[in-house]
PDB file of N, CA and C in Angstrom:
ATOM      1  N   MET A   1     138.293 117.224 102.999  1.00  0.00           N
ATOM      2  CA  MET A   1     136.934 117.618 102.714  1.00  0.00           C
ATOM      3  C   MET A   1     136.383 118.362 103.931  1.00  0.00           C
ATOM      4  N   GLU A   2     135.589 119.377 103.664  1.00  0.00           N
ATOM      5  CA  GLU A   2     134.956 120.156 104.721  1.00  0.00           C
ATOM      6  C   GLU A   2     133.448 120.109 104.523  1.00  0.00           C
ATOM      7  N   ILE A   3     132.718 120.102 105.624  1.00  0.00           N
ATOM      8  CA  ILE A   3     131.255 120.066 105.580  1.00  0.00           C
ATOM      9  C   ILE A   3     130.728 121.380 106.129  1.00  0.00           C
ATOM     10  N   VAL A   4     129.828 121.992 105.367  1.00  0.00           N
ATOM     11  CA  VAL A   4     129.221 123.254 105.793  1.00  0.00           C
ATOM     12  C   VAL A   4     127.716 123.033 105.924  1.00  0.00           C
ATOM     13  N   TYR A   5     127.178 123.419 107.079  1.00  0.00           N
ATOM     14  CA  TYR A   5     125.735 123.376 107.322  1.00  0.00           C
ATOM     15  C   TYR A   5     125.195 124.792 107.154  1.00  0.00           C
ATOM     16  N   ALA A   6     124.112 124.916 106.409  1.00  0.00           N
ATOM     17  CA  ALA A   6     123.459 126.217 106.229  1.00  0.00           C
ATOM     18  C   ALA A   6     121.954 125.991 106.155  1.00  0.00           C
ATOM     19  N   SER A   7     121.202 127.025 106.417  1.00  0.00           N
ATOM     20  CA  SER A   7     119.741 126.967 106.302  1.00  0.00           C
ATOM     21  C   SER A   7     119.246 128.199 105.570  1.00  0.00           C
ATOM     22  N   LEU A   8     118.165 128.014 104.844  1.00  0.00           N
ATOM     23  CA  LEU A   8     117.431 129.136 104.266  1.00  0.00           C
ATOM     24  C   LEU A   8     116.070 129.173 104.957  1.00  0.00           C
ATOM     25  N   LYS A   9     115.665 130.358 105.399  1.00  0.00           N
ATOM     26  CA  LYS A   9     114.371 130.503 106.067  1.00  0.00           C
ATOM     27  C   LYS A   9     113.258 130.605 105.031  1.00  0.00           C
ATOM     28  N   ARG A  10     112.150 129.958 105.343  1.00  0.00           N
ATOM     29  CA  ARG A  10     110.979 130.021 104.461  1.00  0.00           C
ATOM     30  C   ARG A  10     110.352 131.409 104.491  1.00  0.00           C
ATOM     31  N   ARG A  11     109.830 131.798 103.346  1.00  0.00           N
ATOM     32  CA  ARG A  11     109.064 133.053 103.293  1.00  0.00           C
ATOM     33  C   ARG A  11     107.760 132.905 104.070  1.00  0.00           C
ATOM     34  N   GLN A  12     107.109 131.763 103.933  1.00  0.00           N
ATOM     35  CA  GLN A  12     105.840 131.483 104.607  1.00  0.00           C
ATOM     36  C   GLN A  12     105.978 130.165 105.365  1.00  0.00           C
ATOM     37  N   PRO A  13     106.309 130.200 106.662  1.00  0.00           N
ATOM     38  CA  PRO A  13     106.415 128.949 107.409  1.00  0.00           C
ATOM     39  C   PRO A  13     105.098 128.191 107.408  1.00  0.00           C
ATOM     40  N   GLY A  14     105.200 126.902 107.425  1.00  0.00           N
ATOM     41  CA  GLY A  14     104.025 126.045 107.446  1.00  0.00           C
ATOM     42  C   GLY A  14     104.362 124.695 106.852  1.00  0.00           C
ATOM     43  N   PRO A  15     103.365 123.845 106.729  1.00  0.00           N
ATOM     44  CA  PRO A  15     103.621 122.512 106.186  1.00  0.00           C
ATOM     45  C   PRO A  15     104.137 122.602 104.748  1.00  0.00           C
ATOM     46  N   THR A  16     105.052 121.731 104.424  1.00  0.00           N
ATOM     47  CA  THR A  16     105.615 121.732 103.076  1.00  0.00           C
ATOM     48  C   THR A  16     104.890 120.718 102.214  1.00  0.00           C
ATOM     49  N   ALA A  17     104.647 121.085 101.002  1.00  0.00           N
ATOM     50  CA  ALA A  17     104.051 120.170 100.031  1.00  0.00           C
ATOM     51  C   ALA A  17     105.182 119.552  99.228  1.00  0.00           C
ATOM     52  N   ALA A  18     105.121 118.271  99.053  1.00  0.00           N
ATOM     53  CA  ALA A  18     106.101 117.551  98.236  1.00  0.00           C
ATOM     54  C   ALA A  18     107.526 117.813  98.723  1.00  0.00           C
ATOM     55  N   GLU A  19     107.784 117.548 100.007  1.00  0.00           N
ATOM     56  CA  GLU A  19     109.095 117.826 100.593  1.00  0.00           C
ATOM     57  C   GLU A  19     110.227 117.129  99.848  1.00  0.00           C
ATOM     58  N   VAL A  20     109.998 115.913  99.391  1.00  0.00           N
ATOM     59  CA  VAL A  20     111.060 115.175  98.707  1.00  0.00           C
ATOM     60  C   VAL A  20     111.459 115.904  97.437  1.00  0.00           C
ATOM     61  N   ASN A  21     110.488 116.346  96.650  1.00  0.00           N
ATOM     62  CA  ASN A  21     110.804 117.075  95.423  1.00  0.00           C
ATOM     63  C   ASN A  21     111.480 118.403  95.732  1.00  0.00           C
ATOM     64  N   GLU A  22     111.055 119.061  96.781  1.00  0.00           N
ATOM     65  CA  GLU A  22     111.647 120.348  97.145  1.00  0.00           C
ATOM     66  C   GLU A  22     113.117 120.175  97.505  1.00  0.00           C
ATOM     67  N   ALA A  23     113.441 119.151  98.260  1.00  0.00           N
ATOM     68  CA  ALA A  23     114.838 118.887  98.622  1.00  0.00           C
ATOM     69  C   ALA A  23     115.654 118.595  97.370  1.00  0.00           C
ATOM     70  N   ALA A  24     115.131 117.759  96.499  1.00  0.00           N
ATOM     71  CA  ALA A  24     115.851 117.410  95.269  1.00  0.00           C
ATOM     72  C   ALA A  24     116.044 118.635  94.385  1.00  0.00           C
ATOM     73  N   GLU A  25     115.027 119.482  94.288  1.00  0.00           N
ATOM     74  CA  GLU A  25     115.151 120.690  93.472  1.00  0.00           C
ATOM     75  C   GLU A  25     116.170 121.659  94.061  1.00  0.00           C
ATOM     76  N   ALA A  26     116.230 121.763  95.378  1.00  0.00           N
ATOM     77  CA  ALA A  26     117.212 122.636  96.009  1.00  0.00           C
ATOM     78  C   ALA A  26     118.626 122.137  95.729  1.00  0.00           C
ATOM     79  N   VAL A  27     118.842 120.835  95.846  1.00  0.00           N
ATOM     80  CA  VAL A  27     120.160 120.260  95.566  1.00  0.00           C
ATOM     81  C   VAL A  27     120.497 120.432  94.081  1.00  0.00           C
ATOM     82  N   ASP A  28     119.507 120.216  93.210  1.00  0.00           N
ATOM     83  CA  ASP A  28     119.738 120.429  91.770  1.00  0.00           C
ATOM     84  C   ASP A  28     120.160 121.868  91.486  1.00  0.00           C
ATOM     85  N   ALA A  29     119.533 122.828  92.177  1.00  0.00           N
ATOM     86  CA  ALA A  29     119.892 124.241  91.974  1.00  0.00           C
ATOM     87  C   ALA A  29     121.340 124.490  92.401  1.00  0.00           C
ATOM     88  N   LEU A  30     121.754 123.875  93.505  1.00  0.00           N
ATOM     89  CA  LEU A  30     123.147 124.037  93.944  1.00  0.00           C
ATOM     90  C   LEU A  30     124.108 123.483  92.899  1.00  0.00           C
ATOM     91  N   TRP A  31     123.820 122.287  92.393  1.00  0.00           N
ATOM     92  CA  TRP A  31     124.696 121.695  91.373  1.00  0.00           C
ATOM     93  C   TRP A  31     124.689 122.505  90.089  1.00  0.00           C
ATOM     94  N   ALA A  32     123.531 123.022  89.712  1.00  0.00           N
ATOM     95  CA  ALA A  32     123.434 123.778  88.460  1.00  0.00           C
ATOM     96  C   ALA A  32     124.250 125.068  88.514  1.00  0.00           C
ATOM     97  N   HIS A  33     124.459 125.615  89.697  1.00  0.00           N
ATOM     98  CA  HIS A  33     125.147 126.896  89.824  1.00  0.00           C
ATOM     99  C   HIS A  33     126.525 126.785  90.462  1.00  0.00           C
ATOM    100  N   ALA A  34     126.964 125.556  90.721  1.00  0.00           N
ATOM    101  CA  ALA A  34     128.301 125.353  91.287  1.00  0.00           C
ATOM    102  C   ALA A  34     129.362 125.665  90.237  1.00  0.00           C
ATOM    103  N   GLU A  35     130.426 126.293  90.692  1.00  0.00           N
ATOM    104  CA  GLU A  35     131.576 126.589  89.838  1.00  0.00           C
ATOM    105  C   GLU A  35     132.752 125.762  90.341  1.00  0.00           C
ATOM    106  N   PRO A  36     133.725 125.490  89.492  1.00  0.00           N
ATOM    107  CA  PRO A  36     134.865 124.672  89.930  1.00  0.00           C
ATOM    108  C   PRO A  36     135.535 125.189  91.207  1.00  0.00           C
ATOM    109  N   GLY A  37     135.631 126.496  91.366  1.00  0.00           N
ATOM    110  CA  GLY A  37     136.269 127.070  92.549  1.00  0.00           C
ATOM    111  C   GLY A  37     135.513 126.818  93.840  1.00  0.00           C
ATOM    112  N   ASP A  38     134.236 126.461  93.745  1.00  0.00           N
ATOM    113  CA  ASP A  38     133.453 126.159  94.946  1.00  0.00           C
ATOM    114  C   ASP A  38     133.918 124.865  95.596  1.00  0.00           C
ATOM    115  N   GLY A  39     134.390 123.924  94.786  1.00  0.00           N
ATOM    116  CA  GLY A  39     134.843 122.638  95.312  1.00  0.00           C
ATOM    117  C   GLY A  39     133.723 121.745  95.795  1.00  0.00           C
ATOM    118  N   LEU A  40     132.509 121.928  95.267  1.00  0.00           N
ATOM    119  CA  LEU A  40     131.368 121.123  95.702  1.00  0.00           C
ATOM    120  C   LEU A  40     131.561 119.662  95.302  1.00  0.00           C
ATOM    121  N   GLN A  41     131.440 118.763  96.285  1.00  0.00           N
ATOM    122  CA  GLN A  41     131.567 117.333  96.049  1.00  0.00           C
ATOM    123  C   GLN A  41     130.247 116.601  96.265  1.00  0.00           C
ATOM    124  N   HIS A  42     129.455 117.083  97.197  1.00  0.00           N
ATOM    125  CA  HIS A  42     128.171 116.448  97.517  1.00  0.00           C
ATOM    126  C   HIS A  42     127.311 117.491  98.228  1.00  0.00           C
ATOM    127  N   ALA A  43     125.998 117.364  98.055  1.00  0.00           N
ATOM    128  CA  ALA A  43     125.069 118.264  98.745  1.00  0.00           C
ATOM    129  C   ALA A  43     123.819 117.481  99.112  1.00  0.00           C
ATOM    130  N   SER A  44     123.219 117.853 100.229  1.00  0.00           N
ATOM    131  CA  SER A  44     121.940 117.273 100.616  1.00  0.00           C
ATOM    132  C   SER A  44     121.076 118.373 101.214  1.00  0.00           C
ATOM    133  N   ALA A  45     119.773 118.143 101.199  1.00  0.00           N
ATOM    134  CA  ALA A  45     118.826 119.131 101.711  1.00  0.00           C
ATOM    135  C   ALA A  45     117.713 118.417 102.468  1.00  0.00           C
ATOM    136  N   LEU A  46     117.222 119.069 103.505  1.00  0.00           N
ATOM    137  CA  LEU A  46     116.122 118.535 104.296  1.00  0.00           C
ATOM    138  C   LEU A  46     115.156 119.671 104.608  1.00  0.00           C
ATOM    139  N   PRO A  47     113.988 119.689 103.959  1.00  0.00           N
ATOM    140  CA  PRO A  47     113.008 120.745 104.239  1.00  0.00           C
ATOM    141  C   PRO A  47     112.361 120.569 105.612  1.00  0.00           C
ATOM    142  N   ALA A  48     112.071 121.682 106.253  1.00  0.00           N
ATOM    143  CA  ALA A  48     111.329 121.719 107.516  1.00  0.00           C
ATOM    144  C   ALA A  48     110.226 122.759 107.354  1.00  0.00           C
ATOM    145  N   SER A  49     109.389 122.889 108.357  1.00  0.00           N
ATOM    146  CA  SER A  49     108.252 123.804 108.229  1.00  0.00           C
ATOM    147  C   SER A  49     108.671 125.267 108.141  1.00  0.00           C
ATOM    148  N   ASP A  50     109.845 125.626 108.687  1.00  0.00           N
ATOM    149  CA  ASP A  50     110.259 127.028 108.699  1.00  0.00           C
ATOM    150  C   ASP A  50     111.555 127.298 107.934  1.00  0.00           C
ATOM    151  N   ARG A  51     112.164 126.251 107.344  1.00  0.00           N
ATOM    152  CA  ARG A  51     113.455 126.417 106.678  1.00  0.00           C
ATOM    153  C   ARG A  51     113.764 125.197 105.824  1.00  0.00           C
ATOM    154  N   ILE A  52     114.869 125.289 105.099  1.00  0.00           N
ATOM    155  CA  ILE A  52     115.457 124.117 104.475  1.00  0.00           C
ATOM    156  C   ILE A  52     116.907 124.061 104.937  1.00  0.00           C
ATOM    157  N   ASP A  53     117.304 122.912 105.443  1.00  0.00           N
ATOM    158  CA  ASP A  53     118.672 122.715 105.917  1.00  0.00           C
ATOM    159  C   ASP A  53     119.498 122.137 104.776  1.00  0.00           C
ATOM    160  N   LEU A  54     120.688 122.675 104.600  1.00  0.00           N
ATOM    161  CA  LEU A  54     121.591 122.243 103.535  1.00  0.00           C
ATOM    162  C   LEU A  54     122.904 121.774 104.148  1.00  0.00           C
ATOM    163  N   LEU A  55     123.420 120.657 103.634  1.00  0.00           N
ATOM    164  CA  LEU A  55     124.765 120.197 103.968  1.00  0.00           C
ATOM    165  C   LEU A  55     125.552 120.192 102.674  1.00  0.00           C
ATOM    166  N   LEU A  56     126.650 120.925 102.656  1.00  0.00           N
ATOM    167  CA  LEU A  56     127.513 120.987 101.480  1.00  0.00           C
ATOM    168  C   LEU A  56     128.874 120.408 101.848  1.00  0.00           C
ATOM    169  N   TYR A  57     129.317 119.473 101.051  1.00  0.00           N
ATOM    170  CA  TYR A  57     130.614 118.839 101.236  1.00  0.00           C
ATOM    171  C   TYR A  57     131.548 119.446 100.196  1.00  0.00           C
ATOM    172  N   LEU A  58     132.571 120.153 100.670  1.00  0.00           N
ATOM    173  CA  LEU A  58     133.466 120.895  99.793  1.00  0.00           C
ATOM    174  C   LEU A  58     134.899 120.396  99.934  1.00  0.00           C
ATOM    175  N   LEU A  59     135.622 120.437  98.817  1.00  0.00           N
ATOM    176  CA  LEU A  59     137.043 120.126  98.865  1.00  0.00           C
ATOM    177  C   LEU A  59     137.756 121.117  99.769  1.00  0.00           C
ATOM    178  N   THR A  60     138.728 120.644 100.508  1.00  0.00           N
ATOM    179  CA  THR A  60     139.546 121.520 101.335  1.00  0.00           C
ATOM    180  C   THR A  60     140.495 122.285 100.428  1.00  0.00           C
ATOM    181  N   ARG A  61     140.579 123.580 100.621  1.00  0.00           N
ATOM    182  CA  ARG A  61     141.495 124.439  99.862  1.00  0.00           C
ATOM    183  C   ARG A  61     142.580 124.920 100.820  1.00  0.00           C
ATOM    184  N   ASP A  62     143.809 124.477 100.595  1.00  0.00           N
ATOM    185  CA  ASP A  62     144.905 124.840 101.487  1.00  0.00           C
ATOM    186  C   ASP A  62     145.747 125.993 100.970  1.00  0.00           C
ATOM    187  N   ALA A  63     145.502 126.432  99.752  1.00  0.00           N
ATOM    188  CA  ALA A  63     146.326 127.503  99.173  1.00  0.00           C
ATOM    189  C   ALA A  63     146.039 128.834  99.873  1.00  0.00           C
ATOM    190  N   PRO A  64     147.094 129.612 100.139  1.00  0.00           N
ATOM    191  CA  PRO A  64     146.884 130.925 100.757  1.00  0.00           C
ATOM    192  C   PRO A  64     146.038 131.823  99.850  1.00  0.00           C
ATOM    193  N   GLY A  65     145.198 132.614 100.474  1.00  0.00           N
ATOM    194  CA  GLY A  65     144.378 133.555  99.719  1.00  0.00           C
ATOM    195  C   GLY A  65     143.084 132.963  99.180  1.00  0.00           C
ATOM    196  N   GLN A  66     142.884 131.664  99.349  1.00  0.00           N
ATOM    197  CA  GLN A  66     141.649 131.027  98.891  1.00  0.00           C
ATOM    198  C   GLN A  66     140.552 131.263  99.932  1.00  0.00           C
ATOM    199  N   PRO A  67     139.316 131.494  99.475  1.00  0.00           N
ATOM    200  CA  PRO A  67     138.223 131.645 100.442  1.00  0.00           C
ATOM    201  C   PRO A  67     138.023 130.349 101.238  1.00  0.00           C
ATOM    202  N   ASP A  68     137.607 130.484 102.491  1.00  0.00           N
ATOM    203  CA  ASP A  68     137.347 129.294 103.296  1.00  0.00           C
ATOM    204  C   ASP A  68     136.054 128.615 102.847  1.00  0.00           C
ATOM    205  N   ALA A  69     135.795 127.440 103.393  1.00  0.00           N
ATOM    206  CA  ALA A  69     134.645 126.637 102.975  1.00  0.00           C
ATOM    207  C   ALA A  69     133.321 127.357 103.234  1.00  0.00           C
ATOM    208  N   VAL A  70     133.208 128.038 104.361  1.00  0.00           N
ATOM    209  CA  VAL A  70     131.953 128.731 104.678  1.00  0.00           C
ATOM    210  C   VAL A  70     131.689 129.846 103.662  1.00  0.00           C
ATOM    211  N   SER A  71     132.727 130.593 103.297  1.00  0.00           N
ATOM    212  CA  SER A  71     132.561 131.659 102.300  1.00  0.00           C
ATOM    213  C   SER A  71     132.181 131.093 100.942  1.00  0.00           C
ATOM    214  N   ARG A  72     132.834 130.003 100.531  1.00  0.00           N
ATOM    215  CA  ARG A  72     132.512 129.390  99.244  1.00  0.00           C
ATOM    216  C   ARG A  72     131.084 128.860  99.233  1.00  0.00           C
ATOM    217  N   ALA A  73     130.665 128.233 100.342  1.00  0.00           N
ATOM    218  CA  ALA A  73     129.300 127.727 100.437  1.00  0.00           C
ATOM    219  C   ALA A  73     128.297 128.878 100.371  1.00  0.00           C
ATOM    220  N   HIS A  74     128.604 129.962 101.084  1.00  0.00           N
ATOM    221  CA  HIS A  74     127.700 131.116 101.085  1.00  0.00           C
ATOM    222  C   HIS A  74     127.542 131.693  99.671  1.00  0.00           C
ATOM    223  N   HIS A  75     128.631 131.836  98.950  1.00  0.00           N
ATOM    224  CA  HIS A  75     128.561 132.371  97.581  1.00  0.00           C
ATOM    225  C   HIS A  75     127.771 131.434  96.669  1.00  0.00           C
ATOM    226  N   LEU A  76     127.960 130.140  96.823  1.00  0.00           N
ATOM    227  CA  LEU A  76     127.207 129.171  96.018  1.00  0.00           C
ATOM    228  C   LEU A  76     125.716 129.249  96.326  1.00  0.00           C
ATOM    229  N   ILE A  77     125.362 129.308  97.592  1.00  0.00           N
ATOM    230  CA  ILE A  77     123.945 129.387  97.970  1.00  0.00           C
ATOM    231  C   ILE A  77     123.341 130.699  97.468  1.00  0.00           C
ATOM    232  N   CYS A  78     124.076 131.799  97.558  1.00  0.00           N
ATOM    233  CA  CYS A  78     123.584 133.092  97.042  1.00  0.00           C
ATOM    234  C   CYS A  78     123.337 133.021  95.535  1.00  0.00           C
ATOM    235  N   ARG A  79     124.290 132.472  94.778  1.00  0.00           N
ATOM    236  CA  ARG A  79     124.120 132.333  93.330  1.00  0.00           C
ATOM    237  C   ARG A  79     122.904 131.484  93.011  1.00  0.00           C
ATOM    238  N   SER A  80     122.762 130.387  93.728  1.00  0.00           N
ATOM    239  CA  SER A  80     121.642 129.480  93.488  1.00  0.00           C
ATOM    240  C   SER A  80     120.315 130.152  93.815  1.00  0.00           C
ATOM    241  N   HIS A  81     120.274 130.881  94.923  1.00  0.00           N
ATOM    242  CA  HIS A  81     119.034 131.559  95.326  1.00  0.00           C
ATOM    243  C   HIS A  81     118.630 132.623  94.306  1.00  0.00           C
ATOM    244  N   ARG A  82     119.607 133.375  93.786  1.00  0.00           N
ATOM    245  CA  ARG A  82     119.304 134.435  92.809  1.00  0.00           C
ATOM    246  C   ARG A  82     118.705 133.885  91.525  1.00  0.00           C
ATOM    247  N   THR A  83     119.116 132.700  91.119  1.00  0.00           N
ATOM    248  CA  THR A  83     118.728 132.200  89.793  1.00  0.00           C
ATOM    249  C   THR A  83     117.731 131.051  89.815  1.00  0.00           C
ATOM    250  N   SER A  84     117.424 130.506  90.959  1.00  0.00           N
ATOM    251  CA  SER A  84     116.479 129.391  91.046  1.00  0.00           C
ATOM    252  C   SER A  84     115.079 129.900  91.387  1.00  0.00           C
ATOM    253  N   PRO A  85     114.107 129.693  90.507  1.00  0.00           N
ATOM    254  CA  PRO A  85     112.741 130.123  90.823  1.00  0.00           C
ATOM    255  C   PRO A  85     112.214 129.487  92.116  1.00  0.00           C
ATOM    256  N   LEU A  86     112.497 128.220  92.342  1.00  0.00           N
ATOM    257  CA  LEU A  86     112.028 127.555  93.564  1.00  0.00           C
ATOM    258  C   LEU A  86     112.615 128.220  94.802  1.00  0.00           C
ATOM    259  N   LEU A  87     113.912 128.408  94.830  1.00  0.00           N
ATOM    260  CA  LEU A  87     114.538 128.996  96.013  1.00  0.00           C
ATOM    261  C   LEU A  87     114.074 130.429  96.237  1.00  0.00           C
ATOM    262  N   ARG A  88     113.958 131.216  95.173  1.00  0.00           N
ATOM    263  CA  ARG A  88     113.490 132.610  95.329  1.00  0.00           C
ATOM    264  C   ARG A  88     112.050 132.657  95.813  1.00  0.00           C
ATOM    265  N   ARG A  89     111.214 131.765  95.287  1.00  0.00           N
ATOM    266  CA  ARG A  89     109.786 131.768  95.632  1.00  0.00           C
ATOM    267  C   ARG A  89     109.549 131.302  97.067  1.00  0.00           C
ATOM    268  N   CYS A  90     110.272 130.303  97.508  1.00  0.00           N
ATOM    269  CA  CYS A  90     109.997 129.672  98.805  1.00  0.00           C
ATOM    270  C   CYS A  90     110.824 130.197  99.971  1.00  0.00           C
ATOM    271  N   TYR A  91     112.016 130.745  99.694  1.00  0.00           N
ATOM    272  CA  TYR A  91     112.950 131.057 100.771  1.00  0.00           C
ATOM    273  C   TYR A  91     113.458 132.487 100.704  1.00  0.00           C
ATOM    274  N   LEU A  92     113.746 133.036 101.874  1.00  0.00           N
ATOM    275  CA  LEU A  92     114.366 134.356 101.959  1.00  0.00           C
ATOM    276  C   LEU A  92     115.817 134.251 101.491  1.00  0.00           C
ATOM    277  N   PRO A  93     116.401 135.357 101.035  1.00  0.00           N
ATOM    278  CA  PRO A  93     117.817 135.320 100.634  1.00  0.00           C
ATOM    279  C   PRO A  93     118.695 134.887 101.807  1.00  0.00           C
ATOM    280  N   PRO A  94     119.811 134.246 101.503  1.00  0.00           N
ATOM    281  CA  PRO A  94     120.691 133.795 102.586  1.00  0.00           C
ATOM    282  C   PRO A  94     121.291 134.968 103.356  1.00  0.00           C
ATOM    283  N   GLU A  95     121.445 134.758 104.644  1.00  0.00           N
ATOM    284  CA  GLU A  95     122.094 135.752 105.494  1.00  0.00           C
ATOM    285  C   GLU A  95     123.594 135.520 105.451  1.00  0.00           C
ATOM    286  N   PRO A  96     124.391 136.573 105.623  1.00  0.00           N
ATOM    287  CA  PRO A  96     125.849 136.379 105.623  1.00  0.00           C
ATOM    288  C   PRO A  96     126.289 135.520 106.803  1.00  0.00           C
ATOM    289  N   PRO A  97     127.441 134.859 106.668  1.00  0.00           N
ATOM    290  CA  PRO A  97     127.969 134.089 107.792  1.00  0.00           C
ATOM    291  C   PRO A  97     128.152 134.980 109.015  1.00  0.00           C
ATOM    292  N   GLU A  98     128.022 134.397 110.181  1.00  0.00           N
ATOM    293  CA  GLU A  98     128.036 135.174 111.430  1.00  0.00           C
ATOM    294  C   GLU A  98     129.383 135.788 111.778  1.00  0.00           C
ATOM    295  N   SER A  99     130.464 135.051 111.601  1.00  0.00           N
ATOM    296  CA  SER A  99     131.778 135.586 111.977  1.00  0.00           C
ATOM    297  C   SER A  99     132.867 134.876 111.178  1.00  0.00           C
ATOM    298  N   PRO A 100     134.051 135.459 111.123  1.00  0.00           N
ATOM    299  CA  PRO A 100     135.129 134.835 110.368  1.00  0.00           C
ATOM    300  C   PRO A 100     135.629 133.528 110.964  1.00  0.00           C
ATOM    301  N   ASP A 101     135.398 133.303 112.250  1.00  0.00           N
ATOM    302  CA  ASP A 101     135.866 132.051 112.858  1.00  0.00           C
ATOM    303  C   ASP A 101     134.710 131.077 113.035  1.00  0.00           C
ATOM    304  N   HIS A 102     133.927 130.905 111.958  1.00  0.00           N
ATOM    305  CA  HIS A 102     132.731 130.086 111.974  1.00  0.00           C
ATOM    306  C   HIS A 102     133.016 128.604 111.786  1.00  0.00           C
ATOM    307  N   VAL A 103     134.218 128.223 111.421  1.00  0.00           N
ATOM    308  CA  VAL A 103     134.537 126.833 111.158  1.00  0.00           C
ATOM    309  C   VAL A 103     134.915 126.154 112.468  1.00  0.00           C
ATOM    310  N   VAL A 104     134.302 125.014 112.729  1.00  0.00           N
ATOM    311  CA  VAL A 104     134.590 124.257 113.940  1.00  0.00           C
ATOM    312  C   VAL A 104     135.384 123.022 113.557  1.00  0.00           C
ATOM    313  N   GLY A 105     136.387 122.706 114.342  1.00  0.00           N
ATOM    314  CA  GLY A 105     137.024 121.444 114.110  1.00  0.00           C
ATOM    315  C   GLY A 105     138.433 121.480 113.819  1.00  0.00           C
TER     316      GLY A 105
END
């Protein structure tokens, strides 16, 4: 299993209303848009005043040619952001991963 940490930046930083519901809705959006190839096993979210932090637990894919965990997480978050009214309304689109050697460990 691999764990990927990602954040989405808020469109309007400031205090969050109903943070618990926002976290649950963000996780629900991830599950609603997960595909079998993503390997999503568990997800959690923690809203902050300027972002929402996401932890995605993904199955390890050892087959050659398979996207790494960071790429799979990024594609899942992008799909979720495009189709979730909450994520589109509250957060900026996800930024691409910084570099190909982004996995630690």
